[in-house]
Structure formats: structure tokens, C-alpha cells
Amino acid sequence: NLRSSEDECYAGVREVLEGRSRKVRSLPLSPGDLQIFKGRYSLHRVTPVRGNTPRYVGIFSFVETEGMVGSVERTKQLYGRVLPIHHENAGKRDDVLKD
């Protein structure tokens, strides 16, 4: 993991984006493969979808503190909509990350 709940690790992220990090690992995945990983603190990306075959993504989430929900902005990015609870809990976090 590049980040932690206390540190966004901007210097490490910069190294990865500039191609200077030796921590990068690429997986040899094929169409139809299922990949499950804990990505909260991992800098990750996927290859662009090409052609007419859709990509399906299942996003599992959990929290250690009862009542925590995703931020309004991030929930909109992931799911395309938010619920009233997202607005009610805006600003409540169990970490200091920016998403």
C-alpha cells in the first residue's frame, strides 16, 4: 500500500505517476478474470475499455465505525447518485484521506 489512513503520500504518488517508482506491480489479467483486492490505500488504475464489450465492476465497502458512509462526491463518482444519508453525514470521516 502506498497510502495509509494518516498519509496521502503525495511524494510516492508523484513517483508512480512519473514512472520512477519500483513499487508498481502489473497483473497479467485476461478478459473475464475476476480480481478482488483491498484498494483503499493502494494507488490503482485499469486499462481503458475498448470495443463493444462492457466492463462490470462490483464495489464492496466496509467501515469500522458504525454509521459511516462515503462522501457525497465520491459516492456520485462510483454509483452516479447519492441518498439523503450521504448529505446528512457529509464531513464525517474515519480517516484523513481525500478519496
N, C-alpha and C. Protein backbone atom coordinates (compact mmCIF):
# COMPACT_ATOMS: atom_id res chain seq x y z
N ASN A 1 0.84 -1.19 0.00
CA ASN A 1 0.00 0.00 0.00
C ASN A 1 0.87 1.24 0.00
N LEU A 2 0.52 2.16 -0.82
CA LEU A 2 1.26 3.40 -0.91
C LEU A 2 0.81 4.40 0.14
N ARG A 3 -0.49 4.42 0.43
CA ARG A 3 -1.05 5.38 1.39
C ARG A 3 -1.42 4.69 2.69
N SER A 4 -1.77 5.49 3.68
CA SER A 4 -2.30 4.97 4.94
C SER A 4 -3.45 5.88 5.36
N SER A 5 -4.11 5.55 6.45
CA SER A 5 -5.23 6.38 6.91
C SER A 5 -4.76 7.74 7.39
N GLU A 6 -3.47 7.90 7.64
CA GLU A 6 -2.93 9.17 8.12
C GLU A 6 -2.14 9.94 7.06
N ASP A 7 -1.80 9.32 5.94
CA ASP A 7 -0.88 9.94 4.99
C ASP A 7 -1.27 9.63 3.55
N GLU A 8 -1.53 10.67 2.76
CA GLU A 8 -1.83 10.51 1.34
C GLU A 8 -0.59 10.13 0.54
N CYS A 9 0.60 10.36 1.09
CA CYS A 9 1.88 10.01 0.46
C CYS A 9 2.00 10.62 -0.95
N TYR A 10 1.84 11.93 -1.01
CA TYR A 10 1.88 12.62 -2.30
C TYR A 10 3.21 12.42 -3.03
N ALA A 11 4.32 12.38 -2.31
CA ALA A 11 5.62 12.18 -2.96
C ALA A 11 5.68 10.81 -3.64
N GLY A 12 5.18 9.78 -2.96
CA GLY A 12 5.16 8.44 -3.54
C GLY A 12 4.23 8.35 -4.74
N VAL A 13 3.09 9.01 -4.66
CA VAL A 13 2.15 9.04 -5.79
C VAL A 13 2.82 9.72 -6.98
N ARG A 14 3.51 10.82 -6.74
CA ARG A 14 4.21 11.52 -7.82
C ARG A 14 5.22 10.60 -8.50
N GLU A 15 5.98 9.84 -7.70
CA GLU A 15 6.96 8.91 -8.27
C GLU A 15 6.29 7.89 -9.19
N VAL A 16 5.16 7.37 -8.76
CA VAL A 16 4.44 6.39 -9.58
C VAL A 16 3.97 7.04 -10.88
N LEU A 17 3.34 8.20 -10.78
CA LEU A 17 2.80 8.87 -11.97
C LEU A 17 3.89 9.30 -12.94
N GLU A 18 5.08 9.55 -12.42
CA GLU A 18 6.21 9.94 -13.28
C GLU A 18 7.03 8.74 -13.74
N GLY A 19 6.61 7.53 -13.36
CA GLY A 19 7.30 6.32 -13.79
C GLY A 19 8.62 6.07 -13.08
N ARG A 20 8.78 6.63 -11.87
CA ARG A 20 10.04 6.49 -11.15
C ARG A 20 9.95 5.55 -9.95
N SER A 21 8.85 4.87 -9.76
CA SER A 21 8.69 4.00 -8.59
C SER A 21 8.93 2.54 -8.94
N ARG A 22 9.61 1.85 -8.06
CA ARG A 22 9.83 0.41 -8.24
C ARG A 22 8.75 -0.41 -7.52
N LYS A 23 7.79 0.27 -6.92
CA LYS A 23 6.74 -0.42 -6.18
C LYS A 23 5.56 -0.84 -7.07
N VAL A 24 5.55 -0.41 -8.32
CA VAL A 24 4.43 -0.69 -9.22
C VAL A 24 4.44 -2.16 -9.63
N ARG A 25 3.27 -2.78 -9.53
CA ARG A 25 3.10 -4.16 -9.99
C ARG A 25 1.95 -4.21 -10.98
N SER A 26 2.14 -4.88 -12.08
CA SER A 26 1.08 -5.07 -13.07
C SER A 26 0.70 -6.54 -13.08
N LEU A 27 -0.58 -6.80 -13.14
CA LEU A 27 -1.07 -8.18 -13.14
C LEU A 27 -1.44 -8.60 -14.55
N PRO A 28 -1.09 -9.82 -14.93
CA PRO A 28 -1.43 -10.32 -16.28
C PRO A 28 -2.87 -10.84 -16.32
N LEU A 29 -3.83 -9.92 -16.41
CA LEU A 29 -5.24 -10.29 -16.41
C LEU A 29 -5.75 -10.45 -17.84
N SER A 30 -6.77 -11.28 -17.99
CA SER A 30 -7.41 -11.52 -19.28
C SER A 30 -8.88 -11.17 -19.18
N PRO A 31 -9.55 -10.91 -20.32
CA PRO A 31 -10.98 -10.65 -20.28
C PRO A 31 -11.71 -11.78 -19.54
N GLY A 32 -12.60 -11.39 -18.64
CA GLY A 32 -13.37 -12.35 -17.87
C GLY A 32 -12.76 -12.67 -16.52
N ASP A 33 -11.52 -12.26 -16.26
CA ASP A 33 -10.89 -12.51 -14.96
C ASP A 33 -11.59 -11.72 -13.87
N LEU A 34 -11.65 -12.29 -12.69
CA LEU A 34 -12.19 -11.62 -11.52
C LEU A 34 -11.02 -11.25 -10.62
N GLN A 35 -10.95 -9.99 -10.28
CA GLN A 35 -9.88 -9.52 -9.40
C GLN A 35 -10.51 -8.92 -8.16
N ILE A 36 -10.10 -9.37 -7.00
CA ILE A 36 -10.59 -8.82 -5.73
C ILE A 36 -9.38 -8.34 -4.95
N PHE A 37 -9.41 -7.11 -4.53
CA PHE A 37 -8.31 -6.58 -3.74
C PHE A 37 -8.81 -5.49 -2.81
N LYS A 38 -8.07 -5.21 -1.78
CA LYS A 38 -8.39 -4.15 -0.84
C LYS A 38 -7.68 -2.90 -1.33
N GLY A 39 -8.41 -2.03 -2.00
CA GLY A 39 -7.79 -0.92 -2.69
C GLY A 39 -7.84 0.43 -2.00
N ARG A 40 -8.32 0.50 -0.77
CA ARG A 40 -8.46 1.80 -0.11
C ARG A 40 -7.15 2.58 -0.07
N TYR A 41 -6.06 1.92 0.22
CA TYR A 41 -4.78 2.61 0.35
C TYR A 41 -3.84 2.32 -0.81
N SER A 42 -4.32 1.63 -1.81
CA SER A 42 -3.48 1.28 -2.97
C SER A 42 -3.78 2.22 -4.13
N LEU A 43 -2.74 2.77 -4.70
CA LEU A 43 -2.90 3.55 -5.92
C LEU A 43 -3.14 2.54 -7.04
N HIS A 44 -4.26 2.64 -7.72
CA HIS A 44 -4.58 1.65 -8.74
C HIS A 44 -5.34 2.28 -9.90
N ARG A 45 -5.24 1.64 -11.05
CA ARG A 45 -5.98 2.07 -12.23
C ARG A 45 -6.22 0.85 -13.11
N VAL A 46 -7.07 1.05 -14.10
CA VAL A 46 -7.40 -0.04 -15.02
C VAL A 46 -7.14 0.40 -16.45
N THR A 47 -7.04 -0.56 -17.34
CA THR A 47 -6.88 -0.24 -18.75
C THR A 47 -8.20 0.27 -19.31
N PRO A 48 -8.17 1.10 -20.32
CA PRO A 48 -9.41 1.59 -20.93
C PRO A 48 -10.22 0.45 -21.54
N VAL A 49 -11.53 0.58 -21.52
CA VAL A 49 -12.41 -0.39 -22.16
C VAL A 49 -12.38 -0.10 -23.66
N ARG A 50 -12.15 -1.14 -24.45
CA ARG A 50 -12.12 -0.99 -25.91
C ARG A 50 -13.16 -1.94 -26.52
N GLY A 51 -13.71 -1.52 -27.64
CA GLY A 51 -14.69 -2.36 -28.31
C GLY A 51 -16.07 -2.23 -27.70
N ASN A 52 -16.92 -3.20 -28.00
CA ASN A 52 -18.31 -3.15 -27.55
C ASN A 52 -18.59 -3.97 -26.31
N THR A 53 -17.57 -4.59 -25.74
CA THR A 53 -17.77 -5.42 -24.56
C THR A 53 -17.76 -4.55 -23.31
N PRO A 54 -18.85 -4.58 -22.53
CA PRO A 54 -18.88 -3.74 -21.33
C PRO A 54 -17.97 -4.30 -20.23
N ARG A 55 -17.57 -3.45 -19.33
CA ARG A 55 -16.83 -3.86 -18.13
C ARG A 55 -17.77 -3.69 -16.94
N TYR A 56 -17.92 -4.74 -16.18
CA TYR A 56 -18.75 -4.69 -14.99
C TYR A 56 -17.86 -4.61 -13.77
N VAL A 57 -18.22 -3.71 -12.86
CA VAL A 57 -17.41 -3.50 -11.67
C VAL A 57 -18.31 -3.62 -10.45
N GLY A 58 -17.93 -4.48 -9.53
CA GLY A 58 -18.62 -4.59 -8.25
C GLY A 58 -17.75 -3.94 -7.19
N ILE A 59 -18.31 -3.02 -6.44
CA ILE A 59 -17.53 -2.30 -5.43
C ILE A 59 -18.06 -2.68 -4.06
N PHE A 60 -17.24 -3.36 -3.30
CA PHE A 60 -17.59 -3.74 -1.93
C PHE A 60 -16.97 -2.71 -0.99
N SER A 61 -17.66 -2.36 0.05
CA SER A 61 -17.08 -1.42 1.01
C SER A 61 -17.49 -1.83 2.42
N PHE A 62 -16.69 -1.40 3.36
CA PHE A 62 -16.98 -1.64 4.76
C PHE A 62 -16.38 -0.51 5.57
N VAL A 63 -16.89 -0.33 6.77
CA VAL A 63 -16.35 0.67 7.68
C VAL A 63 -16.17 0.04 9.05
N GLU A 64 -15.25 0.57 9.81
CA GLU A 64 -15.03 0.08 11.16
C GLU A 64 -15.87 0.83 12.18
N THR A 65 -16.39 2.00 11.78
CA THR A 65 -17.21 2.81 12.67
C THR A 65 -18.65 2.81 12.15
N GLU A 66 -19.58 2.41 12.98
CA GLU A 66 -20.98 2.33 12.58
C GLU A 66 -21.49 3.69 12.11
N GLY A 67 -22.27 3.67 11.04
CA GLY A 67 -22.90 4.88 10.54
C GLY A 67 -22.09 5.67 9.53
N MET A 68 -20.88 5.23 9.25
CA MET A 68 -20.05 5.95 8.28
C MET A 68 -20.51 5.61 6.86
N VAL A 69 -20.54 6.61 6.01
CA VAL A 69 -20.87 6.42 4.60
C VAL A 69 -19.88 7.20 3.76
N GLY A 70 -19.84 6.93 2.47
CA GLY A 70 -18.94 7.63 1.58
C GLY A 70 -19.30 9.11 1.45
N SER A 71 -18.32 9.89 1.02
CA SER A 71 -18.57 11.31 0.80
C SER A 71 -19.55 11.48 -0.36
N VAL A 72 -20.22 12.62 -0.39
CA VAL A 72 -21.17 12.91 -1.46
C VAL A 72 -20.48 12.82 -2.82
N GLU A 73 -19.31 13.46 -2.94
CA GLU A 73 -18.61 13.50 -4.22
C GLU A 73 -18.18 12.11 -4.68
N ARG A 74 -17.56 11.34 -3.78
CA ARG A 74 -17.06 10.02 -4.17
C ARG A 74 -18.20 9.06 -4.47
N THR A 75 -19.28 9.13 -3.71
CA THR A 75 -20.43 8.26 -3.96
C THR A 75 -21.04 8.56 -5.32
N LYS A 76 -21.12 9.84 -5.69
CA LYS A 76 -21.61 10.20 -7.02
C LYS A 76 -20.70 9.64 -8.11
N GLN A 77 -19.38 9.71 -7.88
CA GLN A 77 -18.43 9.17 -8.87
C GLN A 77 -18.63 7.68 -9.06
N LEU A 78 -18.79 6.95 -7.97
CA LEU A 78 -18.87 5.49 -8.04
C LEU A 78 -20.22 4.98 -8.50
N TYR A 79 -21.30 5.57 -7.98
CA TYR A 79 -22.62 5.00 -8.19
C TYR A 79 -23.56 5.88 -9.02
N GLY A 80 -23.16 7.12 -9.28
CA GLY A 80 -23.99 8.00 -10.08
C GLY A 80 -25.11 8.69 -9.34
N ARG A 81 -25.24 8.43 -8.05
CA ARG A 81 -26.30 9.06 -7.26
C ARG A 81 -25.93 8.99 -5.78
N VAL A 82 -26.64 9.76 -4.97
CA VAL A 82 -26.45 9.72 -3.52
C VAL A 82 -27.82 9.63 -2.86
N LEU A 83 -27.80 9.29 -1.59
CA LEU A 83 -29.01 9.20 -0.79
C LEU A 83 -28.98 10.30 0.28
N PRO A 84 -30.09 10.58 0.93
CA PRO A 84 -30.09 11.60 1.97
C PRO A 84 -29.03 11.37 3.05
N ILE A 85 -28.75 10.11 3.39
CA ILE A 85 -27.76 9.84 4.44
C ILE A 85 -26.37 10.36 4.06
N HIS A 86 -26.06 10.40 2.77
CA HIS A 86 -24.76 10.94 2.35
C HIS A 86 -24.66 12.43 2.66
N HIS A 87 -25.74 13.16 2.44
CA HIS A 87 -25.74 14.60 2.76
C HIS A 87 -25.75 14.81 4.28
N GLU A 88 -26.50 13.99 5.00
CA GLU A 88 -26.58 14.12 6.46
C GLU A 88 -25.23 13.88 7.12
N ASN A 89 -24.44 12.98 6.58
CA ASN A 89 -23.16 12.62 7.19
C ASN A 89 -21.97 13.28 6.50
N ALA A 90 -22.22 14.27 5.65
CA ALA A 90 -21.12 14.94 4.94
C ALA A 90 -20.10 15.47 5.95
N GLY A 91 -18.85 15.18 5.69
CA GLY A 91 -17.77 15.66 6.56
C GLY A 91 -17.36 14.71 7.66
N LYS A 92 -18.14 13.69 7.94
CA LYS A 92 -17.77 12.70 8.96
C LYS A 92 -16.87 11.66 8.31
N ARG A 93 -15.69 11.45 8.84
CA ARG A 93 -14.73 10.50 8.27
C ARG A 93 -14.08 9.70 9.38
N ASP A 94 -13.61 8.49 9.02
CA ASP A 94 -12.80 7.73 9.97
C ASP A 94 -11.34 7.71 9.54
N ASP A 95 -11.00 8.55 8.54
CA ASP A 95 -9.60 8.73 8.14
C ASP A 95 -9.45 10.17 7.63
N VAL A 96 -8.25 10.52 7.20
CA VAL A 96 -8.00 11.88 6.73
C VAL A 96 -7.73 11.93 5.23
N LEU A 97 -8.05 10.86 4.51
CA LEU A 97 -7.76 10.81 3.08
C LEU A 97 -8.73 11.68 2.29
N LYS A 98 -8.31 12.07 1.11
CA LYS A 98 -9.12 12.94 0.25
C LYS A 98 -10.07 12.15 -0.65
N ASP A 99 -9.93 10.85 -0.73
CA ASP A 99 -10.67 9.96 -1.64
C ASP A 99 -10.02 10.02 -2.97
